[in-house]
Amino acid sequence: MAKSQQTYNKSEKEKQRLKKREEKLKKKEARKASGVKDNEFVYVDHNGNLTDTPPDPSMKVVVDAESIEIGIPKKSDADYEEIDPVKKGKVSFFDSSKGFGFIIENDTEQKYFTHVSGLIDKIAENDKVSFELEKGLKGMNAVRVKKI
């Protein structure tokens, strides 16, 4: 004879599910009987806050659909003026045997790495230089470095 597939644990879980379902139905019927209506709607007022009362129609703002720009705004001629990419600074460290060094920019006091391959003129420590920035593997690098 085969054993029943219904275990104690399964029957207990089924009883709990039925009990929850009955409780839920009782609560639903009690809400209907009491006549209390839940707020079915939530409104957003003119400040963007959620409320249970509808917003005041006098506060309504009319937006012209054609005034809404979707995409990138058109640039004027003034936007195309380029900022001078050449920066000025001072060589804080340069090792000619290893071929690298650091330059401190005058305006922002930021330090930039420079390599001998990015030099136009030979430089040494405390030289005033002009340079451009280029994205490198570990940050911005000074390239096209000239002595002033």
N, C-alpha and C. Protein backbone atom coordinates (compact mmCIF):
# COMPACT_ATOMS: atom_id res chain seq x y z
N MET A 1 0.81 -1.19 0.00
CA MET A 1 0.00 0.00 0.00
C MET A 1 0.86 1.26 0.00
N ALA A 2 0.45 2.25 -0.77
CA ALA A 2 1.22 3.49 -0.88
C ALA A 2 0.82 4.45 0.23
N LYS A 3 1.81 5.25 0.66
CA LYS A 3 1.56 6.25 1.69
C LYS A 3 0.86 7.46 1.08
N SER A 4 0.16 8.16 1.91
CA SER A 4 -0.50 9.39 1.48
C SER A 4 0.55 10.46 1.19
N GLN A 5 0.35 11.24 0.14
CA GLN A 5 1.28 12.31 -0.22
C GLN A 5 1.06 13.55 0.63
N GLN A 6 -0.09 13.60 1.33
CA GLN A 6 -0.40 14.75 2.17
C GLN A 6 0.35 14.61 3.50
N THR A 7 1.24 15.57 3.77
CA THR A 7 1.98 15.54 5.03
C THR A 7 1.35 16.51 6.01
N TYR A 8 1.77 16.43 7.25
CA TYR A 8 1.25 17.32 8.30
C TYR A 8 1.54 18.78 7.95
N ASN A 9 2.76 19.04 7.50
CA ASN A 9 3.18 20.41 7.17
C ASN A 9 2.32 20.99 6.05
N LYS A 10 2.03 20.18 5.03
CA LYS A 10 1.22 20.66 3.91
C LYS A 10 -0.19 20.99 4.36
N SER A 11 -0.76 20.14 5.18
CA SER A 11 -2.13 20.39 5.62
C SER A 11 -2.20 21.63 6.52
N GLU A 12 -1.19 21.86 7.34
CA GLU A 12 -1.16 23.06 8.19
C GLU A 12 -1.07 24.33 7.34
N LYS A 13 -0.22 24.31 6.32
CA LYS A 13 -0.09 25.48 5.44
C LYS A 13 -1.39 25.76 4.71
N GLU A 14 -2.09 24.71 4.28
CA GLU A 14 -3.36 24.88 3.58
C GLU A 14 -4.40 25.49 4.52
N LYS A 15 -4.42 25.05 5.78
CA LYS A 15 -5.35 25.62 6.77
C LYS A 15 -5.06 27.10 6.99
N GLN A 16 -3.77 27.47 7.06
CA GLN A 16 -3.40 28.88 7.25
C GLN A 16 -3.84 29.73 6.06
N ARG A 17 -3.68 29.21 4.84
CA ARG A 17 -4.11 29.95 3.65
C ARG A 17 -5.62 30.18 3.66
N LEU A 18 -6.37 29.15 3.99
CA LEU A 18 -7.83 29.28 4.04
C LEU A 18 -8.24 30.28 5.12
N LYS A 19 -7.56 30.25 6.26
CA LYS A 19 -7.88 31.16 7.36
C LYS A 19 -7.63 32.61 6.94
N LYS A 20 -6.49 32.87 6.27
CA LYS A 20 -6.18 34.22 5.79
C LYS A 20 -7.22 34.70 4.78
N ARG A 21 -7.61 33.81 3.88
CA ARG A 21 -8.59 34.17 2.85
C ARG A 21 -9.93 34.54 3.51
N GLU A 22 -10.36 33.77 4.51
CA GLU A 22 -11.62 34.06 5.20
C GLU A 22 -11.54 35.39 5.95
N GLU A 23 -10.39 35.66 6.60
CA GLU A 23 -10.22 36.93 7.31
C GLU A 23 -10.28 38.10 6.34
N LYS A 24 -9.68 37.93 5.18
CA LYS A 24 -9.68 38.99 4.18
C LYS A 24 -11.11 39.27 3.70
N LEU A 25 -11.88 38.22 3.47
CA LEU A 25 -13.27 38.40 3.03
C LEU A 25 -14.10 39.08 4.11
N LYS A 26 -13.87 38.72 5.38
CA LYS A 26 -14.60 39.34 6.48
C LYS A 26 -14.29 40.84 6.56
N LYS A 27 -13.02 41.21 6.43
CA LYS A 27 -12.64 42.63 6.47
C LYS A 27 -13.27 43.40 5.32
N LYS A 28 -13.31 42.77 4.14
CA LYS A 28 -13.89 43.41 2.96
C LYS A 28 -15.38 43.67 3.18
N GLU A 29 -16.09 42.68 3.71
CA GLU A 29 -17.52 42.83 3.95
C GLU A 29 -17.78 43.87 5.04
N ALA A 30 -16.89 43.92 6.05
CA ALA A 30 -17.05 44.91 7.13
C ALA A 30 -16.88 46.32 6.58
N ARG A 31 -15.94 46.52 5.67
CA ARG A 31 -15.74 47.84 5.07
C ARG A 31 -16.96 48.24 4.24
N LYS A 32 -17.54 47.28 3.51
CA LYS A 32 -18.73 47.58 2.70
C LYS A 32 -19.90 47.94 3.60
N ALA A 33 -20.03 47.21 4.69
CA ALA A 33 -21.16 47.43 5.60
C ALA A 33 -21.04 48.77 6.32
N SER A 34 -19.84 49.19 6.66
CA SER A 34 -19.67 50.45 7.38
C SER A 34 -19.90 51.66 6.49
N GLY A 35 -19.78 51.50 5.20
CA GLY A 35 -20.03 52.59 4.26
C GLY A 35 -18.88 53.57 4.15
N VAL A 36 -17.77 53.29 4.79
CA VAL A 36 -16.61 54.17 4.71
C VAL A 36 -15.91 53.91 3.38
N LYS A 37 -15.75 54.97 2.61
CA LYS A 37 -15.08 54.83 1.32
C LYS A 37 -13.62 55.21 1.45
N ASP A 38 -12.76 54.39 0.92
CA ASP A 38 -11.35 54.75 0.86
C ASP A 38 -11.17 55.76 -0.26
N ASN A 39 -10.20 56.64 -0.09
CA ASN A 39 -9.90 57.58 -1.17
C ASN A 39 -9.37 56.79 -2.36
N GLU A 40 -10.09 56.92 -3.45
CA GLU A 40 -9.68 56.19 -4.63
C GLU A 40 -8.66 56.97 -5.44
N PHE A 41 -8.60 58.29 -5.19
CA PHE A 41 -7.71 59.13 -5.96
C PHE A 41 -6.76 59.88 -5.05
N VAL A 42 -5.60 60.14 -5.57
CA VAL A 42 -4.64 61.01 -4.90
C VAL A 42 -4.33 62.10 -5.90
N TYR A 43 -4.39 63.34 -5.44
CA TYR A 43 -4.18 64.49 -6.31
C TYR A 43 -2.80 65.11 -6.05
N VAL A 44 -2.30 65.80 -7.04
CA VAL A 44 -1.06 66.54 -6.91
C VAL A 44 -1.40 68.02 -6.97
N ASP A 45 -1.02 68.77 -5.92
CA ASP A 45 -1.33 70.19 -5.91
C ASP A 45 -0.31 70.98 -6.74
N HIS A 46 -0.46 72.31 -6.79
CA HIS A 46 0.39 73.14 -7.64
C HIS A 46 1.85 73.16 -7.18
N ASN A 47 2.11 72.73 -5.93
CA ASN A 47 3.49 72.65 -5.44
C ASN A 47 4.12 71.28 -5.66
N GLY A 48 3.33 70.32 -6.17
CA GLY A 48 3.86 68.98 -6.41
C GLY A 48 3.66 68.05 -5.24
N ASN A 49 2.89 68.46 -4.22
CA ASN A 49 2.63 67.61 -3.05
C ASN A 49 1.39 66.76 -3.29
N LEU A 50 1.36 65.55 -2.71
CA LEU A 50 0.20 64.67 -2.84
C LEU A 50 -0.84 65.06 -1.80
N THR A 51 -2.11 65.18 -2.24
CA THR A 51 -3.20 65.53 -1.33
C THR A 51 -4.41 64.67 -1.66
N ASP A 52 -5.40 64.64 -0.72
CA ASP A 52 -6.62 63.89 -0.98
C ASP A 52 -7.73 64.79 -1.52
N THR A 53 -7.48 66.09 -1.59
CA THR A 53 -8.47 67.01 -2.16
C THR A 53 -8.01 67.44 -3.55
N PRO A 54 -8.99 67.63 -4.44
CA PRO A 54 -8.60 68.05 -5.79
C PRO A 54 -8.00 69.46 -5.77
N PRO A 55 -7.08 69.75 -6.71
CA PRO A 55 -6.45 71.07 -6.73
C PRO A 55 -7.43 72.16 -7.15
N ASP A 56 -7.13 73.38 -6.75
CA ASP A 56 -7.96 74.54 -7.07
C ASP A 56 -7.80 74.86 -8.56
N PRO A 57 -8.91 74.88 -9.32
CA PRO A 57 -8.80 75.15 -10.77
C PRO A 57 -8.27 76.54 -11.09
N SER A 58 -8.39 77.50 -10.15
CA SER A 58 -7.89 78.84 -10.42
C SER A 58 -6.37 78.88 -10.42
N MET A 59 -5.72 77.89 -9.82
CA MET A 59 -4.26 77.83 -9.76
C MET A 59 -3.67 77.12 -10.98
N LYS A 60 -4.52 76.67 -11.88
CA LYS A 60 -4.07 75.92 -13.04
C LYS A 60 -3.22 76.79 -13.96
N VAL A 61 -2.11 76.23 -14.43
CA VAL A 61 -1.20 76.95 -15.32
C VAL A 61 -1.32 76.35 -16.72
N VAL A 62 -1.54 77.20 -17.70
CA VAL A 62 -1.65 76.75 -19.08
C VAL A 62 -0.27 76.83 -19.72
N VAL A 63 0.16 75.72 -20.31
CA VAL A 63 1.47 75.66 -20.95
C VAL A 63 1.27 75.51 -22.44
N ASP A 64 1.94 76.36 -23.21
CA ASP A 64 1.88 76.27 -24.66
C ASP A 64 2.74 75.09 -25.10
N ALA A 65 2.15 74.14 -25.80
CA ALA A 65 2.87 72.92 -26.20
C ALA A 65 4.04 73.23 -27.14
N GLU A 66 3.95 74.29 -27.90
CA GLU A 66 5.02 74.62 -28.84
C GLU A 66 6.22 75.26 -28.14
N SER A 67 6.03 75.72 -26.91
CA SER A 67 7.14 76.33 -26.19
C SER A 67 8.04 75.27 -25.54
N ILE A 68 7.59 74.02 -25.52
CA ILE A 68 8.39 72.95 -24.93
C ILE A 68 9.40 72.47 -25.96
N GLU A 69 10.67 72.52 -25.59
CA GLU A 69 11.73 72.07 -26.49
C GLU A 69 12.14 70.66 -26.14
N ILE A 70 12.08 69.80 -27.10
CA ILE A 70 12.52 68.42 -26.90
C ILE A 70 13.80 68.26 -27.71
N GLY A 71 14.87 67.91 -27.05
CA GLY A 71 16.15 67.74 -27.72
C GLY A 71 17.15 68.77 -27.25
N ILE A 72 18.17 68.95 -28.03
CA ILE A 72 19.25 69.86 -27.69
C ILE A 72 18.90 71.25 -28.20
N PRO A 73 18.97 72.26 -27.33
CA PRO A 73 18.65 73.61 -27.80
C PRO A 73 19.67 74.11 -28.81
N LYS A 74 19.20 74.93 -29.74
CA LYS A 74 20.09 75.47 -30.76
C LYS A 74 21.06 76.46 -30.15
N LYS A 75 22.29 76.44 -30.63
CA LYS A 75 23.33 77.33 -30.10
C LYS A 75 23.41 78.60 -30.94
N SER A 76 23.70 79.69 -30.24
CA SER A 76 23.89 80.95 -30.95
C SER A 76 25.37 81.08 -31.31
N ASP A 77 25.70 82.13 -32.05
CA ASP A 77 27.10 82.36 -32.45
C ASP A 77 27.99 82.61 -31.24
N ALA A 78 27.43 83.20 -30.20
CA ALA A 78 28.22 83.49 -28.99
C ALA A 78 28.66 82.20 -28.30
N ASP A 79 27.85 81.15 -28.44
CA ASP A 79 28.20 79.87 -27.82
C ASP A 79 29.38 79.19 -28.50
N TYR A 80 29.63 79.55 -29.76
CA TYR A 80 30.70 78.90 -30.50
C TYR A 80 32.07 79.51 -30.26
N GLU A 81 32.12 80.64 -29.53
CA GLU A 81 33.42 81.25 -29.25
C GLU A 81 34.21 80.30 -28.38
N GLU A 82 35.42 79.99 -28.83
CA GLU A 82 36.25 79.02 -28.10
C GLU A 82 37.04 79.70 -27.00
N ILE A 83 37.18 78.97 -25.93
CA ILE A 83 38.05 79.41 -24.85
C ILE A 83 39.46 78.98 -25.25
N ASP A 84 40.43 79.81 -24.95
CA ASP A 84 41.82 79.52 -25.31
C ASP A 84 42.26 78.22 -24.64
N PRO A 85 42.61 77.18 -25.44
CA PRO A 85 43.01 75.91 -24.84
C PRO A 85 44.42 75.94 -24.26
N VAL A 86 45.20 76.97 -24.62
CA VAL A 86 46.58 77.05 -24.13
C VAL A 86 46.57 77.60 -22.71
N LYS A 87 47.18 76.86 -21.80
CA LYS A 87 47.25 77.26 -20.40
C LYS A 87 48.68 77.58 -20.05
N LYS A 88 48.85 78.35 -18.99
CA LYS A 88 50.20 78.72 -18.56
C LYS A 88 50.45 78.15 -17.18
N GLY A 89 51.72 77.82 -16.93
CA GLY A 89 52.05 77.25 -15.64
C GLY A 89 53.53 77.25 -15.39
N LYS A 90 53.92 76.52 -14.34
CA LYS A 90 55.31 76.47 -13.91
C LYS A 90 55.68 75.02 -13.69
N VAL A 91 56.88 74.63 -14.12
CA VAL A 91 57.34 73.26 -13.95
C VAL A 91 57.73 73.07 -12.48
N SER A 92 57.03 72.16 -11.78
CA SER A 92 57.33 71.94 -10.37
C SER A 92 58.38 70.83 -10.21
N PHE A 93 58.41 69.89 -11.14
CA PHE A 93 59.38 68.80 -11.08
C PHE A 93 59.57 68.27 -12.49
N PHE A 94 60.83 67.99 -12.85
CA PHE A 94 61.10 67.34 -14.14
C PHE A 94 62.38 66.54 -14.02
N ASP A 95 62.29 65.25 -14.33
CA ASP A 95 63.44 64.35 -14.31
C ASP A 95 63.78 64.03 -15.76
N SER A 96 64.85 64.65 -16.28
CA SER A 96 65.21 64.46 -17.69
C SER A 96 65.74 63.05 -17.96
N SER A 97 66.32 62.39 -16.95
CA SER A 97 66.83 61.03 -17.17
C SER A 97 65.68 60.03 -17.33
N LYS A 98 64.59 60.25 -16.61
CA LYS A 98 63.43 59.35 -16.73
C LYS A 98 62.42 59.86 -17.75
N GLY A 99 62.45 61.15 -18.07
CA GLY A 99 61.61 61.70 -19.14
C GLY A 99 60.21 62.08 -18.74
N PHE A 100 60.00 62.43 -17.48
CA PHE A 100 58.67 62.88 -17.08
C PHE A 100 58.79 63.96 -16.01
N GLY A 101 57.66 64.64 -15.77
CA GLY A 101 57.63 65.69 -14.76
C GLY A 101 56.21 66.15 -14.51
N PHE A 102 56.10 67.22 -13.72
CA PHE A 102 54.80 67.77 -13.37
C PHE A 102 54.80 69.28 -13.55
N ILE A 103 53.65 69.80 -14.02
CA ILE A 103 53.48 71.23 -14.24
C ILE A 103 52.29 71.68 -13.40
N ILE A 104 52.45 72.82 -12.71
CA ILE A 104 51.37 73.40 -11.93
C ILE A 104 50.78 74.57 -12.72
N GLU A 105 49.48 74.51 -12.96
CA GLU A 105 48.80 75.58 -13.72
C GLU A 105 48.69 76.82 -12.84
N ASN A 106 48.87 78.00 -13.45
CA ASN A 106 48.84 79.26 -12.71
C ASN A 106 47.45 79.58 -12.14
N ASP A 107 46.39 79.38 -12.94
CA ASP A 107 45.05 79.79 -12.53
C ASP A 107 44.47 78.89 -11.43
N THR A 108 44.48 77.59 -11.64
CA THR A 108 43.80 76.68 -10.72
C THR A 108 44.72 75.99 -9.73
N GLU A 109 46.04 76.15 -9.88
CA GLU A 109 47.03 75.49 -9.02
C GLU A 109 46.94 73.97 -9.09
N GLN A 110 46.40 73.43 -10.21
CA GLN A 110 46.34 71.99 -10.37
C GLN A 110 47.63 71.48 -10.97
N LYS A 111 47.99 70.26 -10.60
CA LYS A 111 49.23 69.65 -11.05
C LYS A 111 48.91 68.68 -12.19
N TYR A 112 49.65 68.77 -13.29
CA TYR A 112 49.44 67.90 -14.44
C TYR A 112 50.73 67.17 -14.78
N PHE A 113 50.59 65.91 -15.14
CA PHE A 113 51.71 65.08 -15.55
C PHE A 113 52.12 65.47 -16.97
N THR A 114 53.43 65.44 -17.23
CA THR A 114 53.91 65.65 -18.60
C THR A 114 55.02 64.64 -18.90
N HIS A 115 55.07 64.22 -20.14
CA HIS A 115 56.08 63.25 -20.58
C HIS A 115 56.97 63.93 -21.62
N VAL A 116 58.18 63.42 -21.78
CA VAL A 116 59.14 64.00 -22.73
C VAL A 116 58.58 63.97 -24.16
N SER A 117 57.69 63.02 -24.46
CA SER A 117 57.12 62.94 -25.80
C SER A 117 56.16 64.10 -26.08
N GLY A 118 55.66 64.78 -25.02
CA GLY A 118 54.74 65.89 -25.20
C GLY A 118 55.42 67.25 -25.15
N LEU A 119 56.77 67.27 -25.15
CA LEU A 119 57.51 68.53 -25.05
C LEU A 119 57.87 69.05 -26.43
N ILE A 120 57.80 70.37 -26.61
CA ILE A 120 58.29 71.01 -27.83
C ILE A 120 59.67 71.58 -27.56
N ASP A 121 59.85 72.24 -26.40
CA ASP A 121 61.15 72.76 -25.99
C ASP A 121 61.64 71.96 -24.78
N LYS A 122 62.97 72.01 -24.57
CA LYS A 122 63.51 71.37 -23.37
C LYS A 122 63.13 72.23 -22.17
N ILE A 123 62.76 71.56 -21.07
CA ILE A 123 62.35 72.29 -19.88
C ILE A 123 63.13 71.79 -18.67
N ALA A 124 63.12 72.60 -17.63
CA ALA A 124 63.75 72.27 -16.36
C ALA A 124 62.85 72.78 -15.24
N GLU A 125 63.18 72.45 -14.01
CA GLU A 125 62.37 72.88 -12.87
C GLU A 125 62.32 74.41 -12.79
N ASN A 126 61.18 74.94 -12.36
CA ASN A 126 60.90 76.36 -12.18
C ASN A 126 60.82 77.15 -13.49
N ASP A 127 60.76 76.48 -14.65
CA ASP A 127 60.56 77.17 -15.93
C ASP A 127 59.09 77.54 -16.07
N LYS A 128 58.84 78.71 -16.64
CA LYS A 128 57.47 79.11 -16.98
C LYS A 128 57.17 78.54 -18.37
N VAL A 129 56.02 77.85 -18.47
CA VAL A 129 55.69 77.16 -19.72
C VAL A 129 54.24 77.42 -20.10
N SER A 130 53.95 77.19 -21.39
CA SER A 130 52.56 77.16 -21.86
C SER A 130 52.31 75.74 -22.35
N PHE A 131 51.08 75.26 -22.15
CA PHE A 131 50.78 73.86 -22.50
C PHE A 131 49.30 73.71 -22.78
N GLU A 132 48.96 72.56 -23.34
CA GLU A 132 47.57 72.18 -23.56
C GLU A 132 47.30 70.90 -22.80
N LEU A 133 46.05 70.64 -22.53
CA LEU A 133 45.69 69.43 -21.79
C LEU A 133 45.10 68.38 -22.71
N GLU A 134 45.40 67.14 -22.38
CA GLU A 134 44.91 66.01 -23.15
C GLU A 134 44.58 64.89 -22.17
N LYS A 135 43.49 64.18 -22.43
CA LYS A 135 43.10 63.08 -21.54
C LYS A 135 44.06 61.92 -21.69
N GLY A 136 44.61 61.46 -20.57
CA GLY A 136 45.51 60.33 -20.56
C GLY A 136 44.88 59.15 -19.84
N LEU A 137 45.65 58.11 -19.62
CA LEU A 137 45.13 56.92 -18.95
C LEU A 137 44.74 57.18 -17.50
N LYS A 138 45.51 58.00 -16.80
CA LYS A 138 45.25 58.23 -15.38
C LYS A 138 44.82 59.66 -15.09
N GLY A 139 44.33 60.39 -16.06
CA GLY A 139 43.90 61.77 -15.84
C GLY A 139 44.37 62.66 -16.97
N MET A 140 44.37 63.96 -16.71
CA MET A 140 44.76 64.93 -17.72
C MET A 140 46.29 65.06 -17.76
N ASN A 141 46.83 65.11 -18.97
CA ASN A 141 48.27 65.26 -19.18
C ASN A 141 48.56 66.56 -19.90
N ALA A 142 49.69 67.18 -19.58
CA ALA A 142 50.13 68.39 -20.28
C ALA A 142 50.88 67.96 -21.53
N VAL A 143 50.46 68.49 -22.68
CA VAL A 143 51.11 68.18 -23.95
C VAL A 143 51.43 69.48 -24.67
N ARG A 144 52.23 69.41 -25.72
CA ARG A 144 52.66 70.58 -26.50
C ARG A 144 53.20 71.65 -25.55
N VAL A 145 54.13 71.26 -24.70
CA VAL A 145 54.70 72.14 -23.68
C VAL A 145 55.80 72.98 -24.31
N LYS A 146 55.69 74.31 -24.17
CA LYS A 146 56.69 75.26 -24.68
C LYS A 146 57.17 76.12 -23.54
N LYS A 147 58.43 76.49 -23.62
CA LYS A 147 58.99 77.43 -22.64
C LYS A 147 58.54 78.84 -23.01
N ILE A 148 58.24 79.66 -22.03
CA ILE A 148 57.83 81.05 -22.29
C ILE A 148 59.04 81.95 -22.11
